[in-house]
Amino acid sequence: MGGHIGSETHSYVLHILNSRPHPEQSYRFCLGLLNLHKKYSKARLNAACARALETKVWRLSGIKSILEKGLDKQPVQDPKPDLLSTMEHENVRGSEYYH
């Protein structure tokens, strides 16, 4: 399911099907996702699924939002680095200090 649209869509659908205790619970979600190719091109839907997989978006509304805002055409921004883990200063002690 979803393989005729693209490999990312196929991977996304498989993740959704496997994430539910009973795959039947996700059929309507998957049908809604696949119906989006009527409004958007297969390439855009596949790119949106790739972005959703990368950013861990698991709702149909999230996929629609990605498509409506054109985020499928933009690269995913790297998350901001954790400032506390990279902080180095003579007064900042690491975990080694406490052992």
PDB file of N, CA and C in Angstrom:
ATOM      1  N   MET A   1       0.849  -1.178   0.000  1.00  0.00           N
ATOM      2  CA  MET A   1       0.000   0.000   0.000  1.00  0.00           C
ATOM      3  C   MET A   1       0.893   1.239   0.000  1.00  0.00           C
ATOM      4  N   GLY A   2       0.662   2.142  -0.920  1.00  0.00           N
ATOM      5  CA  GLY A   2       1.443   3.368  -1.003  1.00  0.00           C
ATOM      6  C   GLY A   2       2.653   3.250  -1.903  1.00  0.00           C
ATOM      7  N   GLY A   3       2.980   2.026  -2.311  1.00  0.00           N
ATOM      8  CA  GLY A   3       4.149   1.819  -3.147  1.00  0.00           C
ATOM      9  C   GLY A   3       4.011   2.413  -4.532  1.00  0.00           C
ATOM     10  N   HIS A   4       2.769   2.538  -5.025  1.00  0.00           N
ATOM     11  CA  HIS A   4       2.569   3.117  -6.358  1.00  0.00           C
ATOM     12  C   HIS A   4       2.798   4.620  -6.367  1.00  0.00           C
ATOM     13  N   ILE A   5       2.837   5.242  -5.198  1.00  0.00           N
ATOM     14  CA  ILE A   5       3.104   6.682  -5.107  1.00  0.00           C
ATOM     15  C   ILE A   5       4.604   6.925  -4.962  1.00  0.00           C
ATOM     16  N   GLY A   6       5.251   6.148  -4.121  1.00  0.00           N
ATOM     17  CA  GLY A   6       6.689   6.294  -3.934  1.00  0.00           C
ATOM     18  C   GLY A   6       7.181   5.494  -2.744  1.00  0.00           C
ATOM     19  N   SER A   7       8.476   5.338  -2.658  1.00  0.00           N
ATOM     20  CA  SER A   7       9.051   4.507  -1.593  1.00  0.00           C
ATOM     21  C   SER A   7       8.871   5.130  -0.209  1.00  0.00           C
ATOM     22  N   GLU A   8       8.937   6.451  -0.127  1.00  0.00           N
ATOM     23  CA  GLU A   8       8.762   7.114   1.172  1.00  0.00           C
ATOM     24  C   GLU A   8       7.320   6.985   1.657  1.00  0.00           C
ATOM     25  N   THR A   9       6.382   7.089   0.732  1.00  0.00           N
ATOM     26  CA  THR A   9       4.974   6.913   1.086  1.00  0.00           C
ATOM     27  C   THR A   9       4.750   5.484   1.558  1.00  0.00           C
ATOM     28  N   HIS A  10       5.351   4.538   0.865  1.00  0.00           N
ATOM     29  CA  HIS A  10       5.234   3.130   1.251  1.00  0.00           C
ATOM     30  C   HIS A  10       5.790   2.912   2.662  1.00  0.00           C
ATOM     31  N   SER A  11       6.951   3.479   2.947  1.00  0.00           N
ATOM     32  CA  SER A  11       7.558   3.352   4.278  1.00  0.00           C
ATOM     33  C   SER A  11       6.681   3.994   5.343  1.00  0.00           C
ATOM     34  N   TYR A  12       6.106   5.141   5.007  1.00  0.00           N
ATOM     35  CA  TYR A  12       5.241   5.847   5.954  1.00  0.00           C
ATOM     36  C   TYR A  12       4.001   5.021   6.269  1.00  0.00           C
ATOM     37  N   VAL A  13       3.372   4.475   5.232  1.00  0.00           N
ATOM     38  CA  VAL A  13       2.172   3.651   5.423  1.00  0.00           C
ATOM     39  C   VAL A  13       2.514   2.418   6.257  1.00  0.00           C
ATOM     40  N   LEU A  14       3.624   1.772   5.977  1.00  0.00           N
ATOM     41  CA  LEU A  14       4.029   0.600   6.764  1.00  0.00           C
ATOM     42  C   LEU A  14       4.237   0.962   8.225  1.00  0.00           C
ATOM     43  N   HIS A  15       4.852   2.117   8.471  1.00  0.00           N
ATOM     44  CA  HIS A  15       5.055   2.545   9.859  1.00  0.00           C
ATOM     45  C   HIS A  15       3.709   2.737  10.560  1.00  0.00           C
ATOM     46  N   ILE A  16       2.785   3.390   9.891  1.00  0.00           N
ATOM     47  CA  ILE A  16       1.464   3.623  10.482  1.00  0.00           C
ATOM     48  C   ILE A  16       0.765   2.296  10.759  1.00  0.00           C
ATOM     49  N   LEU A  17       0.793   1.377   9.795  1.00  0.00           N
ATOM     50  CA  LEU A  17       0.137   0.078   9.977  1.00  0.00           C
ATOM     51  C   LEU A  17       0.764  -0.709  11.128  1.00  0.00           C
ATOM     52  N   ASN A  18       2.069  -0.648  11.263  1.00  0.00           N
ATOM     53  CA  ASN A  18       2.761  -1.410  12.306  1.00  0.00           C
ATOM     54  C   ASN A  18       2.719  -0.743  13.671  1.00  0.00           C
ATOM     55  N   SER A  19       2.353   0.520  13.718  1.00  0.00           N
ATOM     56  CA  SER A  19       2.360   1.235  14.998  1.00  0.00           C
ATOM     57  C   SER A  19       1.077   1.030  15.798  1.00  0.00           C
ATOM     58  N   ARG A  20       0.071   0.481  15.194  1.00  0.00           N
ATOM     59  CA  ARG A  20      -1.207   0.262  15.875  1.00  0.00           C
ATOM     60  C   ARG A  20      -1.302  -1.189  16.341  1.00  0.00           C
ATOM     61  N   PRO A  21      -1.967  -1.418  17.476  1.00  0.00           N
ATOM     62  CA  PRO A  21      -2.104  -2.797  17.945  1.00  0.00           C
ATOM     63  C   PRO A  21      -2.864  -3.675  16.939  1.00  0.00           C
ATOM     64  N   HIS A  22      -3.820  -3.073  16.266  1.00  0.00           N
ATOM     65  CA  HIS A  22      -4.591  -3.781  15.240  1.00  0.00           C
ATOM     66  C   HIS A  22      -4.499  -2.957  13.956  1.00  0.00           C
ATOM     67  N   PRO A  23      -3.897  -3.500  12.911  1.00  0.00           N
ATOM     68  CA  PRO A  23      -3.717  -2.735  11.667  1.00  0.00           C
ATOM     69  C   PRO A  23      -5.019  -2.166  11.106  1.00  0.00           C
ATOM     70  N   GLU A  24      -6.132  -2.811  11.396  1.00  0.00           N
ATOM     71  CA  GLU A  24      -7.418  -2.332  10.889  1.00  0.00           C
ATOM     72  C   GLU A  24      -7.715  -0.916  11.362  1.00  0.00           C
ATOM     73  N   GLN A  25      -7.153  -0.543  12.524  1.00  0.00           N
ATOM     74  CA  GLN A  25      -7.387   0.787  13.080  1.00  0.00           C
ATOM     75  C   GLN A  25      -6.791   1.886  12.209  1.00  0.00           C
ATOM     76  N   SER A  26      -5.846   1.551  11.378  1.00  0.00           N
ATOM     77  CA  SER A  26      -5.174   2.578  10.584  1.00  0.00           C
ATOM     78  C   SER A  26      -5.594   2.588   9.119  1.00  0.00           C
ATOM     79  N   TYR A  27      -6.543   1.754   8.728  1.00  0.00           N
ATOM     80  CA  TYR A  27      -6.952   1.697   7.321  1.00  0.00           C
ATOM     81  C   TYR A  27      -7.502   3.031   6.827  1.00  0.00           C
ATOM     82  N   ARG A  28      -8.372   3.656   7.606  1.00  0.00           N
ATOM     83  CA  ARG A  28      -8.970   4.926   7.170  1.00  0.00           C
ATOM     84  C   ARG A  28      -7.907   6.012   7.047  1.00  0.00           C
ATOM     85  N   PHE A  29      -6.957   6.010   7.978  1.00  0.00           N
ATOM     86  CA  PHE A  29      -5.852   6.964   7.909  1.00  0.00           C
ATOM     87  C   PHE A  29      -5.096   6.781   6.599  1.00  0.00           C
ATOM     88  N   CYS A  30      -4.758   5.544   6.292  1.00  0.00           N
ATOM     89  CA  CYS A  30      -3.977   5.261   5.081  1.00  0.00           C
ATOM     90  C   CYS A  30      -4.760   5.602   3.820  1.00  0.00           C
ATOM     91  N   LEU A  31      -6.054   5.330   3.818  1.00  0.00           N
ATOM     92  CA  LEU A  31      -6.873   5.690   2.655  1.00  0.00           C
ATOM     93  C   LEU A  31      -6.925   7.204   2.483  1.00  0.00           C
ATOM     94  N   GLY A  32      -7.045   7.933   3.588  1.00  0.00           N
ATOM     95  CA  GLY A  32      -7.023   9.394   3.523  1.00  0.00           C
ATOM     96  C   GLY A  32      -5.701   9.914   2.995  1.00  0.00           C
ATOM     97  N   LEU A  33      -4.625   9.290   3.428  1.00  0.00           N
ATOM     98  CA  LEU A  33      -3.297   9.673   2.956  1.00  0.00           C
ATOM     99  C   LEU A  33      -3.171   9.426   1.456  1.00  0.00           C
ATOM    100  N   LEU A  34      -3.593   8.255   1.016  1.00  0.00           N
ATOM    101  CA  LEU A  34      -3.475   7.916  -0.399  1.00  0.00           C
ATOM    102  C   LEU A  34      -4.386   8.775  -1.268  1.00  0.00           C
ATOM    103  N   ASN A  35      -5.499   9.231  -0.725  1.00  0.00           N
ATOM    104  CA  ASN A  35      -6.400  10.101  -1.490  1.00  0.00           C
ATOM    105  C   ASN A  35      -5.818  11.498  -1.700  1.00  0.00           C
ATOM    106  N   LEU A  36      -4.810  11.857  -0.938  1.00  0.00           N
ATOM    107  CA  LEU A  36      -4.186  13.170  -1.119  1.00  0.00           C
ATOM    108  C   LEU A  36      -3.509  13.297  -2.480  1.00  0.00           C
ATOM    109  N   HIS A  37      -3.207  12.170  -3.130  1.00  0.00           N
ATOM    110  CA  HIS A  37      -2.554  12.257  -4.447  1.00  0.00           C
ATOM    111  C   HIS A  37      -3.505  12.771  -5.519  1.00  0.00           C
ATOM    112  N   LYS A  38      -4.801  12.876  -5.184  1.00  0.00           N
ATOM    113  CA  LYS A  38      -5.756  13.475  -6.125  1.00  0.00           C
ATOM    114  C   LYS A  38      -5.588  14.995  -6.164  1.00  0.00           C
ATOM    115  N   LYS A  39      -5.169  15.561  -5.033  1.00  0.00           N
ATOM    116  CA  LYS A  39      -5.004  17.011  -4.942  1.00  0.00           C
ATOM    117  C   LYS A  39      -3.550  17.436  -5.178  1.00  0.00           C
ATOM    118  N   TYR A  40      -2.612  16.591  -4.766  1.00  0.00           N
ATOM    119  CA  TYR A  40      -1.187  16.897  -4.881  1.00  0.00           C
ATOM    120  C   TYR A  40      -0.518  15.841  -5.752  1.00  0.00           C
ATOM    121  N   SER A  41       0.579  16.206  -6.360  1.00  0.00           N
ATOM    122  CA  SER A  41       1.287  15.248  -7.219  1.00  0.00           C
ATOM    123  C   SER A  41       1.885  14.123  -6.367  1.00  0.00           C
ATOM    124  N   LYS A  42       2.172  13.023  -7.035  1.00  0.00           N
ATOM    125  CA  LYS A  42       2.780  11.891  -6.337  1.00  0.00           C
ATOM    126  C   LYS A  42       4.144  12.274  -5.771  1.00  0.00           C
ATOM    127  N   ALA A  43       4.879  13.084  -6.508  1.00  0.00           N
ATOM    128  CA  ALA A  43       6.206  13.508  -6.044  1.00  0.00           C
ATOM    129  C   ALA A  43       6.094  14.336  -4.765  1.00  0.00           C
ATOM    130  N   ARG A  44       5.118  15.242  -4.719  1.00  0.00           N
ATOM    131  CA  ARG A  44       4.946  16.074  -3.518  1.00  0.00           C
ATOM    132  C   ARG A  44       4.480  15.241  -2.334  1.00  0.00           C
ATOM    133  N   LEU A  45       3.558  14.312  -2.582  1.00  0.00           N
ATOM    134  CA  LEU A  45       3.072  13.460  -1.499  1.00  0.00           C
ATOM    135  C   LEU A  45       4.207  12.587  -0.965  1.00  0.00           C
ATOM    136  N   ASN A  46       5.019  12.075  -1.854  1.00  0.00           N
ATOM    137  CA  ASN A  46       6.158  11.255  -1.438  1.00  0.00           C
ATOM    138  C   ASN A  46       7.155  12.094  -0.633  1.00  0.00           C
ATOM    139  N   ALA A  47       7.401  13.326  -1.066  1.00  0.00           N
ATOM    140  CA  ALA A  47       8.312  14.219  -0.335  1.00  0.00           C
ATOM    141  C   ALA A  47       7.738  14.581   1.036  1.00  0.00           C
ATOM    142  N   ALA A  48       6.422  14.769   1.105  1.00  0.00           N
ATOM    143  CA  ALA A  48       5.782  15.082   2.386  1.00  0.00           C
ATOM    144  C   ALA A  48       5.903  13.900   3.345  1.00  0.00           C
ATOM    145  N   CYS A  49       5.758  12.696   2.832  1.00  0.00           N
ATOM    146  CA  CYS A  49       5.910  11.503   3.671  1.00  0.00           C
ATOM    147  C   CYS A  49       7.354  11.357   4.143  1.00  0.00           C
ATOM    148  N   ALA A  50       8.301  11.683   3.281  1.00  0.00           N
ATOM    149  CA  ALA A  50       9.715  11.633   3.674  1.00  0.00           C
ATOM    150  C   ALA A  50       9.972  12.616   4.809  1.00  0.00           C
ATOM    151  N   ARG A  51       9.431  13.821   4.675  1.00  0.00           N
ATOM    152  CA  ARG A  51       9.606  14.834   5.723  1.00  0.00           C
ATOM    153  C   ARG A  51       8.912  14.392   7.010  1.00  0.00           C
ATOM    154  N   ALA A  52       7.727  13.811   6.884  1.00  0.00           N
ATOM    155  CA  ALA A  52       6.993  13.352   8.063  1.00  0.00           C
ATOM    156  C   ALA A  52       7.750  12.234   8.781  1.00  0.00           C
ATOM    157  N   LEU A  53       8.347  11.334   8.026  1.00  0.00           N
ATOM    158  CA  LEU A  53       9.153  10.273   8.639  1.00  0.00           C
ATOM    159  C   LEU A  53      10.344  10.864   9.385  1.00  0.00           C
ATOM    160  N   GLU A  54      10.978  11.846   8.782  1.00  0.00           N
ATOM    161  CA  GLU A  54      12.174  12.452   9.370  1.00  0.00           C
ATOM    162  C   GLU A  54      11.848  13.271  10.615  1.00  0.00           C
ATOM    163  N   THR A  55      10.700  13.936  10.602  1.00  0.00           N
ATOM    164  CA  THR A  55      10.331  14.801  11.726  1.00  0.00           C
ATOM    165  C   THR A  55       9.350  14.135  12.688  1.00  0.00           C
ATOM    166  N   LYS A  56       9.034  12.868  12.428  1.00  0.00           N
ATOM    167  CA  LYS A  56       8.143  12.076  13.288  1.00  0.00           C
ATOM    168  C   LYS A  56       6.746  12.686  13.403  1.00  0.00           C
ATOM    169  N   VAL A  57       6.171  12.989  12.264  1.00  0.00           N
ATOM    170  CA  VAL A  57       4.790  13.479  12.196  1.00  0.00           C
ATOM    171  C   VAL A  57       3.918  12.278  11.869  1.00  0.00           C
ATOM    172  N   TRP A  58       3.005  11.918  12.777  1.00  0.00           N
ATOM    173  CA  TRP A  58       2.218  10.695  12.587  1.00  0.00           C
ATOM    174  C   TRP A  58       0.729  10.965  12.439  1.00  0.00           C
ATOM    175  N   ARG A  59       0.338  12.172  12.090  1.00  0.00           N
ATOM    176  CA  ARG A  59      -1.084  12.493  11.909  1.00  0.00           C
ATOM    177  C   ARG A  59      -1.330  12.933  10.475  1.00  0.00           C
ATOM    178  N   LEU A  60      -2.514  12.623   9.987  1.00  0.00           N
ATOM    179  CA  LEU A  60      -2.880  13.014   8.631  1.00  0.00           C
ATOM    180  C   LEU A  60      -2.919  14.536   8.512  1.00  0.00           C
ATOM    181  N   SER A  61      -3.356  15.197   9.571  1.00  0.00           N
ATOM    182  CA  SER A  61      -3.382  16.666   9.546  1.00  0.00           C
ATOM    183  C   SER A  61      -1.966  17.228   9.403  1.00  0.00           C
ATOM    184  N   GLY A  62      -0.986  16.527   9.939  1.00  0.00           N
ATOM    185  CA  GLY A  62       0.400  16.958   9.800  1.00  0.00           C
ATOM    186  C   GLY A  62       0.887  16.856   8.363  1.00  0.00           C
ATOM    187  N   ILE A  63       0.515  15.776   7.683  1.00  0.00           N
ATOM    188  CA  ILE A  63       0.877  15.604   6.270  1.00  0.00           C
ATOM    189  C   ILE A  63       0.203  16.694   5.438  1.00  0.00           C
ATOM    190  N   LYS A  64      -1.081  16.947   5.717  1.00  0.00           N
ATOM    191  CA  LYS A  64      -1.804  17.995   4.984  1.00  0.00           C
ATOM    192  C   LYS A  64      -1.144  19.350   5.204  1.00  0.00           C
ATOM    193  N   SER A  65      -0.733  19.617   6.425  1.00  0.00           N
ATOM    194  CA  SER A  65      -0.080  20.886   6.743  1.00  0.00           C
ATOM    195  C   SER A  65       1.246  21.029   5.998  1.00  0.00           C
ATOM    196  N   ILE A  66       2.009  19.956   5.936  1.00  0.00           N
ATOM    197  CA  ILE A  66       3.276  19.975   5.190  1.00  0.00           C
ATOM    198  C   ILE A  66       3.011  20.334   3.737  1.00  0.00           C
ATOM    199  N   LEU A  67       1.982  19.740   3.152  1.00  0.00           N
ATOM    200  CA  LEU A  67       1.662  19.990   1.747  1.00  0.00           C
ATOM    201  C   LEU A  67       1.114  21.399   1.531  1.00  0.00           C
ATOM    202  N   GLU A  68       0.206  21.838   2.409  1.00  0.00           N
ATOM    203  CA  GLU A  68      -0.406  23.162   2.258  1.00  0.00           C
ATOM    204  C   GLU A  68       0.622  24.283   2.394  1.00  0.00           C
ATOM    205  N   LYS A  69       1.586  24.101   3.283  1.00  0.00           N
ATOM    206  CA  LYS A  69       2.595  25.138   3.518  1.00  0.00           C
ATOM    207  C   LYS A  69       3.796  25.016   2.585  1.00  0.00           C
ATOM    208  N   GLY A  70       3.796  23.976   1.757  1.00  0.00           N
ATOM    209  CA  GLY A  70       4.896  23.786   0.820  1.00  0.00           C
ATOM    210  C   GLY A  70       6.188  23.327   1.471  1.00  0.00           C
ATOM    211  N   LEU A  71       6.085  22.779   2.672  1.00  0.00           N
ATOM    212  CA  LEU A  71       7.285  22.339   3.383  1.00  0.00           C
ATOM    213  C   LEU A  71       7.927  21.121   2.730  1.00  0.00           C
ATOM    214  N   ASP A  72       7.154  20.419   1.913  1.00  0.00           N
ATOM    215  CA  ASP A  72       7.709  19.255   1.212  1.00  0.00           C
ATOM    216  C   ASP A  72       8.769  19.670   0.200  1.00  0.00           C
ATOM    217  N   LYS A  73       8.777  20.943  -0.170  1.00  0.00           N
ATOM    218  CA  LYS A  73       9.738  21.459  -1.152  1.00  0.00           C
ATOM    219  C   LYS A  73      10.994  22.025  -0.492  1.00  0.00           C
ATOM    220  N   GLN A  74      10.990  22.081   0.841  1.00  0.00           N
ATOM    221  CA  GLN A  74      12.115  22.669   1.568  1.00  0.00           C
ATOM    222  C   GLN A  74      12.859  21.588   2.345  1.00  0.00           C
ATOM    223  N   PRO A  75      14.167  21.759   2.516  1.00  0.00           N
ATOM    224  CA  PRO A  75      14.912  20.777   3.319  1.00  0.00           C
ATOM    225  C   PRO A  75      14.556  20.916   4.793  1.00  0.00           C
ATOM    226  N   VAL A  76      14.662  19.825   5.509  1.00  0.00           N
ATOM    227  CA  VAL A  76      14.404  19.843   6.946  1.00  0.00           C
ATOM    228  C   VAL A  76      15.581  20.525   7.621  1.00  0.00           C
ATOM    229  N   GLN A  77      15.270  21.485   8.477  1.00  0.00           N
ATOM    230  CA  GLN A  77      16.328  22.197   9.189  1.00  0.00           C
ATOM    231  C   GLN A  77      16.866  21.310  10.296  1.00  0.00           C
ATOM    232  N   ASP A  78      18.176  21.389  10.502  1.00  0.00           N
ATOM    233  CA  ASP A  78      18.780  20.645  11.599  1.00  0.00           C
ATOM    234  C   ASP A  78      18.287  21.238  12.908  1.00  0.00           C
ATOM    235  N   PRO A  79      17.996  20.378  13.889  1.00  0.00           N
ATOM    236  CA  PRO A  79      17.561  20.920  15.177  1.00  0.00           C
ATOM    237  C   PRO A  79      18.679  21.742  15.804  1.00  0.00           C
ATOM    238  N   LYS A  80      18.272  22.705  16.601  1.00  0.00           N
ATOM    239  CA  LYS A  80      19.263  23.546  17.272  1.00  0.00           C
ATOM    240  C   LYS A  80      20.062  22.683  18.248  1.00  0.00           C
ATOM    241  N   PRO A  81      21.347  22.920  18.339  1.00  0.00           N
ATOM    242  CA  PRO A  81      22.157  22.102  19.255  1.00  0.00           C
ATOM    243  C   PRO A  81      21.769  22.362  20.705  1.00  0.00           C
ATOM    244  N   ASP A  82      21.917  21.354  21.510  1.00  0.00           N
ATOM    245  CA  ASP A  82      21.641  21.474  22.935  1.00  0.00           C
ATOM    246  C   ASP A  82      22.761  22.297  23.563  1.00  0.00           C
ATOM    247  N   LEU A  83      22.438  23.507  23.957  1.00  0.00           N
ATOM    248  CA  LEU A  83      23.460  24.421  24.462  1.00  0.00           C
ATOM    249  C   LEU A  83      24.090  23.946  25.761  1.00  0.00           C
ATOM    250  N   LEU A  84      23.314  23.257  26.584  1.00  0.00           N
ATOM    251  CA  LEU A  84      23.863  22.812  27.858  1.00  0.00           C
ATOM    252  C   LEU A  84      24.877  21.692  27.680  1.00  0.00           C
ATOM    253  N   SER A  85      24.667  20.837  26.703  1.00  0.00           N
ATOM    254  CA  SER A  85      25.601  19.725  26.525  1.00  0.00           C
ATOM    255  C   SER A  85      26.903  20.182  25.870  1.00  0.00           C
ATOM    256  N   THR A  86      26.878  21.303  25.171  1.00  0.00           N
ATOM    257  CA  THR A  86      28.088  21.778  24.503  1.00  0.00           C
ATOM    258  C   THR A  86      28.779  22.901  25.263  1.00  0.00           C
ATOM    259  N   MET A  87      28.257  23.250  26.423  1.00  0.00           N
ATOM    260  CA  MET A  87      28.811  24.362  27.182  1.00  0.00           C
ATOM    261  C   MET A  87      30.144  23.956  27.817  1.00  0.00           C
ATOM    262  N   GLU A  88      31.161  24.746  27.551  1.00  0.00           N
ATOM    263  CA  GLU A  88      32.464  24.499  28.159  1.00  0.00           C
ATOM    264  C   GLU A  88      32.954  25.802  28.780  1.00  0.00           C
ATOM    265  N   HIS A  89      33.265  25.718  30.034  1.00  0.00           N
ATOM    266  CA  HIS A  89      33.738  26.872  30.782  1.00  0.00           C
ATOM    267  C   HIS A  89      34.461  26.331  32.004  1.00  0.00           C
ATOM    268  N   GLU A  90      35.400  27.072  32.539  1.00  0.00           N
ATOM    269  CA  GLU A  90      36.168  26.567  33.676  1.00  0.00           C
ATOM    270  C   GLU A  90      35.303  26.335  34.907  1.00  0.00           C
ATOM    271  N   ASN A  91      34.157  27.020  35.010  1.00  0.00           N
ATOM    272  CA  ASN A  91      33.277  26.852  36.163  1.00  0.00           C
ATOM    273  C   ASN A  91      32.205  25.782  35.950  1.00  0.00           C
ATOM    274  N   VAL A  92      32.128  25.229  34.773  1.00  0.00           N
ATOM    275  CA  VAL A  92      31.130  24.201  34.488  1.00  0.00           C
ATOM    276  C   VAL A  92      31.794  22.844  34.644  1.00  0.00           C
ATOM    277  N   ARG A  93      31.225  22.019  35.534  1.00  0.00           N
ATOM    278  CA  ARG A  93      31.800  20.702  35.788  1.00  0.00           C
ATOM    279  C   ARG A  93      31.006  19.650  35.028  1.00  0.00           C
ATOM    280  N   GLY A  94      31.698  18.727  34.471  1.00  0.00           N
ATOM    281  CA  GLY A  94      31.050  17.636  33.757  1.00  0.00           C
ATOM    282  C   GLY A  94      30.679  16.505  34.690  1.00  0.00           C
ATOM    283  N   SER A  95      30.114  15.452  34.144  1.00  0.00           N
ATOM    284  CA  SER A  95      29.691  14.310  34.954  1.00  0.00           C
ATOM    285  C   SER A  95      30.886  13.598  35.587  1.00  0.00           C
ATOM    286  N   GLU A  96      32.063  13.727  34.982  1.00  0.00           N
ATOM    287  CA  GLU A  96      33.255  13.077  35.529  1.00  0.00           C
ATOM    288  C   GLU A  96      33.599  13.617  36.923  1.00  0.00           C
ATOM    289  N   TYR A  97      33.258  14.850  37.179  1.00  0.00           N
ATOM    290  CA  TYR A  97      33.583  15.491  38.453  1.00  0.00           C
ATOM    291  C   TYR A  97      32.897  14.781  39.622  1.00  0.00           C
ATOM    292  N   TYR A  98      31.721  14.228  39.393  1.00  0.00           N
ATOM    293  CA  TYR A  98      30.898  13.686  40.468  1.00  0.00           C
ATOM    294  C   TYR A  98      31.124  12.201  40.709  1.00  0.00           C
ATOM    295  N   HIS A  99      32.087  11.594  40.054  1.00  0.00           N
ATOM    296  CA  HIS A  99      32.332  10.159  40.269  1.00  0.00           C
ATOM    297  C   HIS A  99      33.598   9.939  41.024  1.00  0.00           C
TER     298      HIS A  99
END
